[in-house]
Amino acid sequence: MSFLNQQFNFVSELSKLPEPAQKAVANIDVVSEIYDIGRQFDLLISETGYLFEEAGKAITGKTKPEDFISSIRAVLGDENKPKATDVAMAINSKILIPIRDDFKKISMGIPAKTFGESLSVPA
């Protein structure tokens, strides 16, 4: 897989999503989370880049949820296949689920936490 042949542009695909979805994605520091996951699983920088691309495809709907783990397995290569499920689960719990939850809140008119900000619960 070569970055020179990449057809996926995360920013372009993200701009095609409805505004509530864009806001939900903006609430998560996707790049930092992917970087941390890459470090957690001792992945190479190139592998971490591939993870970002695959997570971006999942976020924008280009990868079906049922295909996500196999996509991660494909980009990590044979030597990392045993880690692929754990990596996919980490991406799901740290990125995809928080985006989905924020999207639900934003769509219902409930203020979602903004990146770098914590919400206080009224007494």
PDB file of N, CA and C in Angstrom:
ATOM      1  N   MET A   1       0.856  -1.167   0.000  1.00  0.00           N
ATOM      2  CA  MET A   1       0.000   0.000   0.000  1.00  0.00           C
ATOM      3  C   MET A   1       0.903   1.232   0.000  1.00  0.00           C
ATOM      4  N   SER A   2       0.634   2.164  -0.871  1.00  0.00           N
ATOM      5  CA  SER A   2       1.462   3.354  -0.991  1.00  0.00           C
ATOM      6  C   SER A   2       0.624   4.607  -0.790  1.00  0.00           C
ATOM      7  N   PHE A   3       1.173   5.554  -0.043  1.00  0.00           N
ATOM      8  CA  PHE A   3       0.470   6.814   0.144  1.00  0.00           C
ATOM      9  C   PHE A   3       0.374   7.591  -1.169  1.00  0.00           C
ATOM     10  N   LEU A   4       1.240   7.295  -2.136  1.00  0.00           N
ATOM     11  CA  LEU A   4       1.182   7.973  -3.423  1.00  0.00           C
ATOM     12  C   LEU A   4      -0.062   7.576  -4.209  1.00  0.00           C
ATOM     13  N   ASN A   5      -0.591   6.402  -3.936  1.00  0.00           N
ATOM     14  CA  ASN A   5      -1.756   5.909  -4.657  1.00  0.00           C
ATOM     15  C   ASN A   5      -3.057   6.084  -3.878  1.00  0.00           C
ATOM     16  N   GLN A   6      -2.998   6.821  -2.778  1.00  0.00           N
ATOM     17  CA  GLN A   6      -4.176   6.987  -1.946  1.00  0.00           C
ATOM     18  C   GLN A   6      -5.290   7.675  -2.713  1.00  0.00           C
ATOM     19  N   GLN A   7      -6.470   7.150  -2.571  1.00  0.00           N
ATOM     20  CA  GLN A   7      -7.644   7.748  -3.166  1.00  0.00           C
ATOM     21  C   GLN A   7      -8.537   8.398  -2.106  1.00  0.00           C
ATOM     22  N   PHE A   8      -8.260   8.128  -0.834  1.00  0.00           N
ATOM     23  CA  PHE A   8      -9.124   8.583   0.243  1.00  0.00           C
ATOM     24  C   PHE A   8      -8.616   9.903   0.811  1.00  0.00           C
ATOM     25  N   ASN A   9      -9.486  10.898   0.870  1.00  0.00           N
ATOM     26  CA  ASN A   9      -9.149  12.195   1.445  1.00  0.00           C
ATOM     27  C   ASN A   9     -10.135  12.442   2.585  1.00  0.00           C
ATOM     28  N   PHE A  10      -9.646  12.291   3.820  1.00  0.00           N
ATOM     29  CA  PHE A  10     -10.505  12.376   5.004  1.00  0.00           C
ATOM     30  C   PHE A  10     -11.243  13.708   5.078  1.00  0.00           C
ATOM     31  N   VAL A  11     -10.547  14.808   4.889  1.00  0.00           N
ATOM     32  CA  VAL A  11     -11.173  16.128   5.021  1.00  0.00           C
ATOM     33  C   VAL A  11     -12.269  16.306   3.971  1.00  0.00           C
ATOM     34  N   SER A  12     -11.991  15.888   2.757  1.00  0.00           N
ATOM     35  CA  SER A  12     -12.979  15.990   1.687  1.00  0.00           C
ATOM     36  C   SER A  12     -14.211  15.140   1.990  1.00  0.00           C
ATOM     37  N   GLU A  13     -13.992  13.907   2.427  1.00  0.00           N
ATOM     38  CA  GLU A  13     -15.114  13.012   2.740  1.00  0.00           C
ATOM     39  C   GLU A  13     -15.887  13.507   3.958  1.00  0.00           C
ATOM     40  N   LEU A  14     -15.183  14.048   4.932  1.00  0.00           N
ATOM     41  CA  LEU A  14     -15.834  14.574   6.131  1.00  0.00           C
ATOM     42  C   LEU A  14     -16.743  15.746   5.779  1.00  0.00           C
ATOM     43  N   SER A  15     -16.307  16.571   4.840  1.00  0.00           N
ATOM     44  CA  SER A  15     -17.112  17.738   4.457  1.00  0.00           C
ATOM     45  C   SER A  15     -18.430  17.338   3.781  1.00  0.00           C
ATOM     46  N   LYS A  16     -18.539  16.111   3.325  1.00  0.00           N
ATOM     47  CA  LYS A  16     -19.768  15.629   2.680  1.00  0.00           C
ATOM     48  C   LYS A  16     -20.807  15.144   3.698  1.00  0.00           C
ATOM     49  N   LEU A  17     -20.380  14.984   4.956  1.00  0.00           N
ATOM     50  CA  LEU A  17     -21.293  14.509   5.994  1.00  0.00           C
ATOM     51  C   LEU A  17     -22.203  15.636   6.464  1.00  0.00           C
ATOM     52  N   PRO A  18     -23.365  15.299   7.040  1.00  0.00           N
ATOM     53  CA  PRO A  18     -24.238  16.337   7.601  1.00  0.00           C
ATOM     54  C   PRO A  18     -23.518  17.094   8.722  1.00  0.00           C
ATOM     55  N   GLU A  19     -23.932  18.325   8.938  1.00  0.00           N
ATOM     56  CA  GLU A  19     -23.279  19.180   9.928  1.00  0.00           C
ATOM     57  C   GLU A  19     -23.208  18.560  11.329  1.00  0.00           C
ATOM     58  N   PRO A  20     -24.273  17.915  11.830  1.00  0.00           N
ATOM     59  CA  PRO A  20     -24.153  17.298  13.159  1.00  0.00           C
ATOM     60  C   PRO A  20     -23.050  16.234  13.218  1.00  0.00           C
ATOM     61  N   ALA A  21     -22.889  15.487  12.151  1.00  0.00           N
ATOM     62  CA  ALA A  21     -21.831  14.469  12.113  1.00  0.00           C
ATOM     63  C   ALA A  21     -20.457  15.135  12.097  1.00  0.00           C
ATOM     64  N   GLN A  22     -20.322  16.204  11.342  1.00  0.00           N
ATOM     65  CA  GLN A  22     -19.047  16.934  11.306  1.00  0.00           C
ATOM     66  C   GLN A  22     -18.704  17.479  12.687  1.00  0.00           C
ATOM     67  N   LYS A  23     -19.697  18.006  13.387  1.00  0.00           N
ATOM     68  CA  LYS A  23     -19.459  18.538  14.734  1.00  0.00           C
ATOM     69  C   LYS A  23     -19.041  17.428  15.691  1.00  0.00           C
ATOM     70  N   ALA A  24     -19.677  16.274  15.573  1.00  0.00           N
ATOM     71  CA  ALA A  24     -19.334  15.150  16.451  1.00  0.00           C
ATOM     72  C   ALA A  24     -17.897  14.706  16.216  1.00  0.00           C
ATOM     73  N   VAL A  25     -17.466  14.652  14.969  1.00  0.00           N
ATOM     74  CA  VAL A  25     -16.085  14.264  14.655  1.00  0.00           C
ATOM     75  C   VAL A  25     -15.122  15.326  15.168  1.00  0.00           C
ATOM     76  N   ALA A  26     -15.502  16.593  15.054  1.00  0.00           N
ATOM     77  CA  ALA A  26     -14.632  17.677  15.504  1.00  0.00           C
ATOM     78  C   ALA A  26     -14.415  17.660  17.008  1.00  0.00           C
ATOM     79  N   ASN A  27     -15.308  17.005  17.747  1.00  0.00           N
ATOM     80  CA  ASN A  27     -15.176  16.934  19.206  1.00  0.00           C
ATOM     81  C   ASN A  27     -14.130  15.930  19.663  1.00  0.00           C
ATOM     82  N   ILE A  28     -13.645  15.097  18.769  1.00  0.00           N
ATOM     83  CA  ILE A  28     -12.664  14.065  19.100  1.00  0.00           C
ATOM     84  C   ILE A  28     -11.340  14.406  18.416  1.00  0.00           C
ATOM     85  N   ASP A  29     -10.254  14.319  19.135  1.00  0.00           N
ATOM     86  CA  ASP A  29      -8.930  14.535  18.542  1.00  0.00           C
ATOM     87  C   ASP A  29      -8.482  13.215  17.907  1.00  0.00           C
ATOM     88  N   VAL A  30      -8.995  12.946  16.715  1.00  0.00           N
ATOM     89  CA  VAL A  30      -8.790  11.667  16.041  1.00  0.00           C
ATOM     90  C   VAL A  30      -7.311  11.389  15.812  1.00  0.00           C
ATOM     91  N   VAL A  31      -6.568  12.386  15.366  1.00  0.00           N
ATOM     92  CA  VAL A  31      -5.151  12.188  15.062  1.00  0.00           C
ATOM     93  C   VAL A  31      -4.381  11.762  16.316  1.00  0.00           C
ATOM     94  N   SER A  32      -4.591  12.462  17.426  1.00  0.00           N
ATOM     95  CA  SER A  32      -3.885  12.112  18.666  1.00  0.00           C
ATOM     96  C   SER A  32      -4.288  10.735  19.170  1.00  0.00           C
ATOM     97  N   GLU A  33      -5.559  10.419  19.070  1.00  0.00           N
ATOM     98  CA  GLU A  33      -6.026   9.106  19.524  1.00  0.00           C
ATOM     99  C   GLU A  33      -5.402   7.989  18.687  1.00  0.00           C
ATOM    100  N   ILE A  34      -5.350   8.168  17.372  1.00  0.00           N
ATOM    101  CA  ILE A  34      -4.740   7.154  16.504  1.00  0.00           C
ATOM    102  C   ILE A  34      -3.249   7.034  16.818  1.00  0.00           C
ATOM    103  N   TYR A  35      -2.587   8.162  17.005  1.00  0.00           N
ATOM    104  CA  TYR A  35      -1.159   8.146  17.348  1.00  0.00           C
ATOM    105  C   TYR A  35      -0.932   7.367  18.649  1.00  0.00           C
ATOM    106  N   ASP A  36      -1.760   7.645  19.661  1.00  0.00           N
ATOM    107  CA  ASP A  36      -1.638   6.947  20.949  1.00  0.00           C
ATOM    108  C   ASP A  36      -1.885   5.445  20.797  1.00  0.00           C
ATOM    109  N   ILE A  37      -2.866   5.080  19.988  1.00  0.00           N
ATOM    110  CA  ILE A  37      -3.144   3.657  19.749  1.00  0.00           C
ATOM    111  C   ILE A  37      -1.957   3.006  19.041  1.00  0.00           C
ATOM    112  N   GLY A  38      -1.392   3.687  18.067  1.00  0.00           N
ATOM    113  CA  GLY A  38      -0.208   3.171  17.380  1.00  0.00           C
ATOM    114  C   GLY A  38       0.943   2.932  18.345  1.00  0.00           C
ATOM    115  N   ARG A  39       1.170   3.865  19.248  1.00  0.00           N
ATOM    116  CA  ARG A  39       2.238   3.701  20.248  1.00  0.00           C
ATOM    117  C   ARG A  39       1.907   2.577  21.218  1.00  0.00           C
ATOM    118  N   GLN A  40       0.652   2.498  21.635  1.00  0.00           N
ATOM    119  CA  GLN A  40       0.220   1.463  22.575  1.00  0.00           C
ATOM    120  C   GLN A  40       0.503   0.064  22.026  1.00  0.00           C
ATOM    121  N   PHE A  41       0.335  -0.100  20.718  1.00  0.00           N
ATOM    122  CA  PHE A  41       0.513  -1.418  20.109  1.00  0.00           C
ATOM    123  C   PHE A  41       1.843  -1.550  19.366  1.00  0.00           C
ATOM    124  N   ASP A  42       2.771  -0.629  19.617  1.00  0.00           N
ATOM    125  CA  ASP A  42       4.118  -0.665  19.031  1.00  0.00           C
ATOM    126  C   ASP A  42       4.083  -0.781  17.516  1.00  0.00           C
ATOM    127  N   LEU A  43       3.239   0.038  16.884  1.00  0.00           N
ATOM    128  CA  LEU A  43       3.146   0.023  15.430  1.00  0.00           C
ATOM    129  C   LEU A  43       4.123   1.022  14.832  1.00  0.00           C
ATOM    130  N   LEU A  44       4.532   0.764  13.612  1.00  0.00           N
ATOM    131  CA  LEU A  44       5.378   1.690  12.879  1.00  0.00           C
ATOM    132  C   LEU A  44       4.570   2.936  12.522  1.00  0.00           C
ATOM    133  N   ILE A  45       5.256   4.033  12.245  1.00  0.00           N
ATOM    134  CA  ILE A  45       4.572   5.263  11.850  1.00  0.00           C
ATOM    135  C   ILE A  45       3.723   5.023  10.598  1.00  0.00           C
ATOM    136  N   SER A  46       4.255   4.271   9.647  1.00  0.00           N
ATOM    137  CA  SER A  46       3.484   3.992   8.426  1.00  0.00           C
ATOM    138  C   SER A  46       2.214   3.201   8.749  1.00  0.00           C
ATOM    139  N   GLU A  47       2.310   2.249   9.661  1.00  0.00           N
ATOM    140  CA  GLU A  47       1.137   1.472  10.058  1.00  0.00           C
ATOM    141  C   GLU A  47       0.120   2.358  10.768  1.00  0.00           C
ATOM    142  N   THR A  48       0.612   3.285  11.573  1.00  0.00           N
ATOM    143  CA  THR A  48      -0.264   4.225  12.258  1.00  0.00           C
ATOM    144  C   THR A  48      -0.977   5.115  11.242  1.00  0.00           C
ATOM    145  N   GLY A  49      -0.268   5.501  10.198  1.00  0.00           N
ATOM    146  CA  GLY A  49      -0.894   6.275   9.117  1.00  0.00           C
ATOM    147  C   GLY A  49      -1.997   5.498   8.431  1.00  0.00           C
ATOM    148  N   TYR A  50      -1.757   4.222   8.198  1.00  0.00           N
ATOM    149  CA  TYR A  50      -2.784   3.376   7.600  1.00  0.00           C
ATOM    150  C   TYR A  50      -3.991   3.250   8.530  1.00  0.00           C
ATOM    151  N   LEU A  51      -3.728   3.192   9.841  1.00  0.00           N
ATOM    152  CA  LEU A  51      -4.829   3.136  10.808  1.00  0.00           C
ATOM    153  C   LEU A  51      -5.692   4.387  10.709  1.00  0.00           C
ATOM    154  N   PHE A  52      -5.029   5.541  10.581  1.00  0.00           N
ATOM    155  CA  PHE A  52      -5.775   6.796  10.456  1.00  0.00           C
ATOM    156  C   PHE A  52      -6.674   6.750   9.227  1.00  0.00           C
ATOM    157  N   GLU A  53      -6.129   6.266   8.123  1.00  0.00           N
ATOM    158  CA  GLU A  53      -6.923   6.184   6.901  1.00  0.00           C
ATOM    159  C   GLU A  53      -8.126   5.252   7.094  1.00  0.00           C
ATOM    160  N   GLU A  54      -7.894   4.093   7.695  1.00  0.00           N
ATOM    161  CA  GLU A  54      -8.991   3.143   7.905  1.00  0.00           C
ATOM    162  C   GLU A  54     -10.021   3.687   8.893  1.00  0.00           C
ATOM    163  N   ALA A  55      -9.566   4.349   9.945  1.00  0.00           N
ATOM    164  CA  ALA A  55     -10.505   4.963  10.890  1.00  0.00           C
ATOM    165  C   ALA A  55     -11.309   6.052  10.187  1.00  0.00           C
ATOM    166  N   GLY A  56     -10.648   6.829   9.344  1.00  0.00           N
ATOM    167  CA  GLY A  56     -11.342   7.864   8.580  1.00  0.00           C
ATOM    168  C   GLY A  56     -12.403   7.284   7.669  1.00  0.00           C
ATOM    169  N   LYS A  57     -12.089   6.160   7.057  1.00  0.00           N
ATOM    170  CA  LYS A  57     -13.082   5.493   6.200  1.00  0.00           C
ATOM    171  C   LYS A  57     -14.268   5.008   7.026  1.00  0.00           C
ATOM    172  N   ALA A  58     -14.009   4.515   8.228  1.00  0.00           N
ATOM    173  CA  ALA A  58     -15.098   4.066   9.099  1.00  0.00           C
ATOM    174  C   ALA A  58     -15.939   5.258   9.555  1.00  0.00           C
ATOM    175  N   ILE A  59     -15.284   6.355   9.900  1.00  0.00           N
ATOM    176  CA  ILE A  59     -15.979   7.554  10.366  1.00  0.00           C
ATOM    177  C   ILE A  59     -16.899   8.108   9.280  1.00  0.00           C
ATOM    178  N   THR A  60     -16.417   8.114   8.046  1.00  0.00           N
ATOM    179  CA  THR A  60     -17.180   8.716   6.946  1.00  0.00           C
ATOM    180  C   THR A  60     -18.108   7.729   6.245  1.00  0.00           C
ATOM    181  N   GLY A  61     -18.128   6.488   6.710  1.00  0.00           N
ATOM    182  CA  GLY A  61     -19.030   5.501   6.141  1.00  0.00           C
ATOM    183  C   GLY A  61     -18.510   4.787   4.911  1.00  0.00           C
ATOM    184  N   LYS A  62     -17.252   4.980   4.574  1.00  0.00           N
ATOM    185  CA  LYS A  62     -16.665   4.315   3.402  1.00  0.00           C
ATOM    186  C   LYS A  62     -16.330   2.856   3.694  1.00  0.00           C
ATOM    187  N   THR A  63     -16.143   2.526   4.962  1.00  0.00           N
ATOM    188  CA  THR A  63     -15.939   1.135   5.385  1.00  0.00           C
ATOM    189  C   THR A  63     -17.133   0.739   6.237  1.00  0.00           C
ATOM    190  N   LYS A  64     -17.743  -0.367   5.909  1.00  0.00           N
ATOM    191  CA  LYS A  64     -18.876  -0.865   6.684  1.00  0.00           C
ATOM    192  C   LYS A  64     -18.376  -1.361   8.037  1.00  0.00           C
ATOM    193  N   PRO A  65     -19.180  -1.210   9.084  1.00  0.00           N
ATOM    194  CA  PRO A  65     -18.752  -1.670  10.408  1.00  0.00           C
ATOM    195  C   PRO A  65     -18.307  -3.130  10.427  1.00  0.00           C
ATOM    196  N   GLU A  66     -19.005  -3.985   9.695  1.00  0.00           N
ATOM    197  CA  GLU A  66     -18.644  -5.401   9.701  1.00  0.00           C
ATOM    198  C   GLU A  66     -17.328  -5.688   8.965  1.00  0.00           C
ATOM    199  N   ASP A  67     -16.846  -4.728   8.191  1.00  0.00           N
ATOM    200  CA  ASP A  67     -15.583  -4.901   7.464  1.00  0.00           C
ATOM    201  C   ASP A  67     -14.400  -4.227   8.150  1.00  0.00           C
ATOM    202  N   PHE A  68     -14.654  -3.527   9.255  1.00  0.00           N
ATOM    203  CA  PHE A  68     -13.609  -2.714   9.879  1.00  0.00           C
ATOM    204  C   PHE A  68     -12.429  -3.544  10.370  1.00  0.00           C
ATOM    205  N   ILE A  69     -12.684  -4.623  11.096  1.00  0.00           N
ATOM    206  CA  ILE A  69     -11.580  -5.430  11.632  1.00  0.00           C
ATOM    207  C   ILE A  69     -10.769  -6.048  10.497  1.00  0.00           C
ATOM    208  N   SER A  70     -11.430  -6.549   9.469  1.00  0.00           N
ATOM    209  CA  SER A  70     -10.675  -7.135   8.353  1.00  0.00           C
ATOM    210  C   SER A  70      -9.869  -6.068   7.622  1.00  0.00           C
ATOM    211  N   SER A  71     -10.366  -4.842   7.569  1.00  0.00           N
ATOM    212  CA  SER A  71      -9.599  -3.744   6.968  1.00  0.00           C
ATOM    213  C   SER A  71      -8.348  -3.443   7.784  1.00  0.00           C
ATOM    214  N   ILE A  72      -8.488  -3.463   9.100  1.00  0.00           N
ATOM    215  CA  ILE A  72      -7.341  -3.235   9.983  1.00  0.00           C
ATOM    216  C   ILE A  72      -6.341  -4.372   9.813  1.00  0.00           C
ATOM    217  N   ARG A  73      -6.821  -5.597   9.750  1.00  0.00           N
ATOM    218  CA  ARG A  73      -5.930  -6.744   9.538  1.00  0.00           C
ATOM    219  C   ARG A  73      -5.167  -6.597   8.231  1.00  0.00           C
ATOM    220  N   ALA A  74      -5.830  -6.157   7.192  1.00  0.00           N
ATOM    221  CA  ALA A  74      -5.189  -6.023   5.885  1.00  0.00           C
ATOM    222  C   ALA A  74      -4.077  -4.975   5.907  1.00  0.00           C
ATOM    223  N   VAL A  75      -4.306  -3.846   6.565  1.00  0.00           N
ATOM    224  CA  VAL A  75      -3.286  -2.799   6.555  1.00  0.00           C
ATOM    225  C   VAL A  75      -2.132  -3.074   7.503  1.00  0.00           C
ATOM    226  N   LEU A  76      -2.362  -3.876   8.542  1.00  0.00           N
ATOM    227  CA  LEU A  76      -1.280  -4.153   9.493  1.00  0.00           C
ATOM    228  C   LEU A  76      -0.342  -5.259   9.022  1.00  0.00           C
ATOM    229  N   GLY A  77      -0.763  -6.036   8.076  1.00  0.00           N
ATOM    230  CA  GLY A  77       0.110  -7.081   7.554  1.00  0.00           C
ATOM    231  C   GLY A  77       0.107  -8.325   8.424  1.00  0.00           C
ATOM    232  N   ASP A  78       0.716  -9.382   7.887  1.00  0.00           N
ATOM    233  CA  ASP A  78       0.698 -10.690   8.539  1.00  0.00           C
ATOM    234  C   ASP A  78       1.330 -10.692   9.927  1.00  0.00           C
ATOM    235  N   GLU A  79       2.418  -9.946  10.106  1.00  0.00           N
ATOM    236  CA  GLU A  79       3.113  -9.986  11.395  1.00  0.00           C
ATOM    237  C   GLU A  79       2.306  -9.357  12.529  1.00  0.00           C
ATOM    238  N   ASN A  80       1.338  -8.511  12.197  1.00  0.00           N
ATOM    239  CA  ASN A  80       0.535  -7.841  13.222  1.00  0.00           C
ATOM    240  C   ASN A  80      -0.912  -8.311  13.272  1.00  0.00           C
ATOM    241  N   LYS A  81      -1.237  -9.335  12.518  1.00  0.00           N
ATOM    242  CA  LYS A  81      -2.634  -9.794  12.499  1.00  0.00           C
ATOM    243  C   LYS A  81      -3.159 -10.167  13.879  1.00  0.00           C
ATOM    244  N   PRO A  82      -2.339 -10.779  14.750  1.00  0.00           N
ATOM    245  CA  PRO A  82      -2.868 -11.088  16.088  1.00  0.00           C
ATOM    246  C   PRO A  82      -3.302  -9.835  16.864  1.00  0.00           C
ATOM    247  N   LYS A  83      -2.675  -8.695  16.586  1.00  0.00           N
ATOM    248  CA  LYS A  83      -3.015  -7.450  17.277  1.00  0.00           C
ATOM    249  C   LYS A  83      -4.217  -6.749  16.658  1.00  0.00           C
ATOM    250  N   ALA A  84      -4.569  -7.108  15.438  1.00  0.00           N
ATOM    251  CA  ALA A  84      -5.550  -6.343  14.669  1.00  0.00           C
ATOM    252  C   ALA A  84      -6.883  -6.181  15.394  1.00  0.00           C
ATOM    253  N   THR A  85      -7.375  -7.230  16.006  1.00  0.00           N
ATOM    254  CA  THR A  85      -8.656  -7.134  16.708  1.00  0.00           C
ATOM    255  C   THR A  85      -8.546  -6.178  17.886  1.00  0.00           C
ATOM    256  N   ASP A  86      -7.449  -6.265  18.642  1.00  0.00           N
ATOM    257  CA  ASP A  86      -7.258  -5.354  19.779  1.00  0.00           C
ATOM    258  C   ASP A  86      -7.133  -3.905  19.316  1.00  0.00           C
ATOM    259  N   VAL A  87      -6.420  -3.692  18.213  1.00  0.00           N
ATOM    260  CA  VAL A  87      -6.267  -2.346  17.653  1.00  0.00           C
ATOM    261  C   VAL A  87      -7.636  -1.817  17.224  1.00  0.00           C
ATOM    262  N   ALA A  88      -8.399  -2.628  16.519  1.00  0.00           N
ATOM    263  CA  ALA A  88      -9.731  -2.213  16.065  1.00  0.00           C
ATOM    264  C   ALA A  88     -10.643  -1.909  17.246  1.00  0.00           C
ATOM    265  N   MET A  89     -10.557  -2.706  18.295  1.00  0.00           N
ATOM    266  CA  MET A  89     -11.374  -2.457  19.486  1.00  0.00           C
ATOM    267  C   MET A  89     -10.968  -1.156  20.167  1.00  0.00           C
ATOM    268  N   ALA A  90      -9.666  -0.852  20.173  1.00  0.00           N
ATOM    269  CA  ALA A  90      -9.198   0.406  20.763  1.00  0.00           C
ATOM    270  C   ALA A  90      -9.716   1.600  19.955  1.00  0.00           C
ATOM    271  N   ILE A  91      -9.655   1.502  18.632  1.00  0.00           N
ATOM    272  CA  ILE A  91     -10.177   2.574  17.776  1.00  0.00           C
ATOM    273  C   ILE A  91     -11.671   2.733  18.013  1.00  0.00           C
ATOM    274  N   ASN A  92     -12.357   1.626  18.118  1.00  0.00           N
ATOM    275  CA  ASN A  92     -13.804   1.672  18.349  1.00  0.00           C
ATOM    276  C   ASN A  92     -14.128   2.368  19.671  1.00  0.00           C
ATOM    277  N   SER A  93     -13.444   1.984  20.740  1.00  0.00           N
ATOM    278  CA  SER A  93     -13.778   2.540  22.056  1.00  0.00           C
ATOM    279  C   SER A  93     -13.289   3.972  22.249  1.00  0.00           C
ATOM    280  N   LYS A  94     -12.159   4.341  21.641  1.00  0.00           N
ATOM    281  CA  LYS A  94     -11.600   5.680  21.864  1.00  0.00           C
ATOM    282  C   LYS A  94     -12.042   6.705  20.827  1.00  0.00           C
ATOM    283  N   ILE A  95     -12.522   6.245  19.672  1.00  0.00           N
ATOM    284  CA  ILE A  95     -12.866   7.186  18.599  1.00  0.00           C
ATOM    285  C   ILE A  95     -14.299   6.995  18.108  1.00  0.00           C
ATOM    286  N   LEU A  96     -14.612   5.806  17.615  1.00  0.00           N
ATOM    287  CA  LEU A  96     -15.894   5.606  16.939  1.00  0.00           C
ATOM    288  C   LEU A  96     -17.087   5.713  17.881  1.00  0.00           C
ATOM    289  N   ILE A  97     -17.015   5.095  19.045  1.00  0.00           N
ATOM    290  CA  ILE A  97     -18.141   5.174  19.990  1.00  0.00           C
ATOM    291  C   ILE A  97     -18.327   6.599  20.510  1.00  0.00           C
ATOM    292  N   PRO A  98     -17.250   7.323  20.915  1.00  0.00           N
ATOM    293  CA  PRO A  98     -17.458   8.713  21.334  1.00  0.00           C
ATOM    294  C   PRO A  98     -18.046   9.602  20.224  1.00  0.00           C
ATOM    295  N   ILE A  99     -17.632   9.378  18.970  1.00  0.00           N
ATOM    296  CA  ILE A  99     -18.207  10.155  17.871  1.00  0.00           C
ATOM    297  C   ILE A  99     -19.690   9.837  17.740  1.00  0.00           C
ATOM    298  N   ARG A 100     -20.032   8.548  17.786  1.00  0.00           N
ATOM    299  CA  ARG A 100     -21.437   8.152  17.674  1.00  0.00           C
ATOM    300  C   ARG A 100     -22.259   8.761  18.811  1.00  0.00           C
ATOM    301  N   ASP A 101     -21.733   8.706  20.027  1.00  0.00           N
ATOM    302  CA  ASP A 101     -22.462   9.257  21.173  1.00  0.00           C
ATOM    303  C   ASP A 101     -22.643  10.766  21.054  1.00  0.00           C
ATOM    304  N   ASP A 102     -21.586  11.479  20.632  1.00  0.00           N
ATOM    305  CA  ASP A 102     -21.703  12.927  20.441  1.00  0.00           C
ATOM    306  C   ASP A 102     -22.684  13.247  19.322  1.00  0.00           C
ATOM    307  N   PHE A 103     -22.670  12.458  18.259  1.00  0.00           N
ATOM    308  CA  PHE A 103     -23.604  12.676  17.154  1.00  0.00           C
ATOM    309  C   PHE A 103     -25.042  12.558  17.644  1.00  0.00           C
ATOM    310  N   LYS A 104     -25.310  11.540  18.455  1.00  0.00           N
ATOM    311  CA  LYS A 104     -26.660  11.369  18.998  1.00  0.00           C
ATOM    312  C   LYS A 104     -27.063  12.586  19.836  1.00  0.00           C
ATOM    313  N   LYS A 105     -26.145  13.049  20.697  1.00  0.00           N
ATOM    314  CA  LYS A 105     -26.445  14.196  21.554  1.00  0.00           C
ATOM    315  C   LYS A 105     -26.688  15.451  20.726  1.00  0.00           C
ATOM    316  N   ILE A 106     -25.805  15.699  19.756  1.00  0.00           N
ATOM    317  CA  ILE A 106     -25.941  16.892  18.918  1.00  0.00           C
ATOM    318  C   ILE A 106     -27.241  16.842  18.125  1.00  0.00           C
ATOM    319  N   SER A 107     -27.563  15.678  17.598  1.00  0.00           N
ATOM    320  CA  SER A 107     -28.791  15.520  16.807  1.00  0.00           C
ATOM    321  C   SER A 107     -30.046  15.755  17.646  1.00  0.00           C
ATOM    322  N   MET A 108     -29.954  15.455  18.939  1.00  0.00           N
ATOM    323  CA  MET A 108     -31.094  15.641  19.836  1.00  0.00           C
ATOM    324  C   MET A 108     -31.086  17.023  20.492  1.00  0.00           C
ATOM    325  N   GLY A 109     -30.099  17.856  20.151  1.00  0.00           N
ATOM    326  CA  GLY A 109     -30.036  19.199  20.712  1.00  0.00           C
ATOM    327  C   GLY A 109     -29.387  19.267  22.081  1.00  0.00           C
ATOM    328  N   ILE A 110     -28.764  18.181  22.509  1.00  0.00           N
ATOM    329  CA  ILE A 110     -28.070  18.163  23.798  1.00  0.00           C
ATOM    330  C   ILE A 110     -26.630  18.604  23.558  1.00  0.00           C
ATOM    331  N   PRO A 111     -26.119  19.570  24.315  1.00  0.00           N
ATOM    332  CA  PRO A 111     -24.734  19.995  24.076  1.00  0.00           C
ATOM    333  C   PRO A 111     -23.754  18.852  24.351  1.00  0.00           C
ATOM    334  N   ALA A 112     -22.895  18.614  23.395  1.00  0.00           N
ATOM    335  CA  ALA A 112     -21.852  17.594  23.547  1.00  0.00           C
ATOM    336  C   ALA A 112     -20.572  18.277  23.985  1.00  0.00           C
ATOM    337  N   LYS A 113     -19.726  17.546  24.671  1.00  0.00           N
ATOM    338  CA  LYS A 113     -18.435  18.080  25.100  1.00  0.00           C
ATOM    339  C   LYS A 113     -17.622  18.454  23.861  1.00  0.00           C
ATOM    340  N   THR A 114     -17.026  19.615  23.875  1.00  0.00           N
ATOM    341  CA  THR A 114     -16.168  20.058  22.788  1.00  0.00           C
ATOM    342  C   THR A 114     -14.747  19.641  23.102  1.00  0.00           C
ATOM    343  N   PHE A 115     -13.990  19.312  22.071  1.00  0.00           N
ATOM    344  CA  PHE A 115     -12.601  18.889  22.241  1.00  0.00           C
ATOM    345  C   PHE A 115     -11.861  19.855  23.149  1.00  0.00           C
ATOM    346  N   GLY A 116     -11.232  19.317  24.179  1.00  0.00           N
ATOM    347  CA  GLY A 116     -10.447  20.130  25.099  1.00  0.00           C
ATOM    348  C   GLY A 116     -11.267  20.797  26.198  1.00  0.00           C
ATOM    349  N   GLU A 117     -12.550  20.540  26.223  1.00  0.00           N
ATOM    350  CA  GLU A 117     -13.426  21.183  27.188  1.00  0.00           C
ATOM    351  C   GLU A 117     -14.167  20.110  27.982  1.00  0.00           C
ATOM    352  N   SER A 118     -14.387  20.361  29.241  1.00  0.00           N
ATOM    353  CA  SER A 118     -15.176  19.409  30.017  1.00  0.00           C
ATOM    354  C   SER A 118     -16.501  20.064  30.377  1.00  0.00           C
ATOM    355  N   LEU A 119     -17.531  19.274  30.367  1.00  0.00           N
ATOM    356  CA  LEU A 119     -18.853  19.781  30.722  1.00  0.00           C
ATOM    357  C   LEU A 119     -19.068  19.652  32.222  1.00  0.00           C
ATOM    358  N   SER A 120     -19.674  20.656  32.794  1.00  0.00           N
ATOM    359  CA  SER A 120     -20.016  20.544  34.202  1.00  0.00           C
ATOM    360  C   SER A 120     -21.505  20.216  34.290  1.00  0.00           C
ATOM    361  N   VAL A 121     -21.837  19.377  35.211  1.00  0.00           N
ATOM    362  CA  VAL A 121     -23.212  18.967  35.403  1.00  0.00           C
ATOM    363  C   VAL A 121     -23.863  19.937  36.367  1.00  0.00           C
ATOM    364  N   PRO A 122     -24.994  20.537  35.950  1.00  0.00           N
ATOM    365  CA  PRO A 122     -25.664  21.472  36.857  1.00  0.00           C
ATOM    366  C   PRO A 122     -26.154  20.764  38.118  1.00  0.00           C
ATOM    367  N   ALA A 123     -26.070  21.467  39.232  1.00  0.00           N
ATOM    368  CA  ALA A 123     -26.487  20.880  40.516  1.00  0.00           C
ATOM    369  C   ALA A 123     -27.972  20.898  40.681  1.00  0.00           C
TER     370      ALA A 123
END
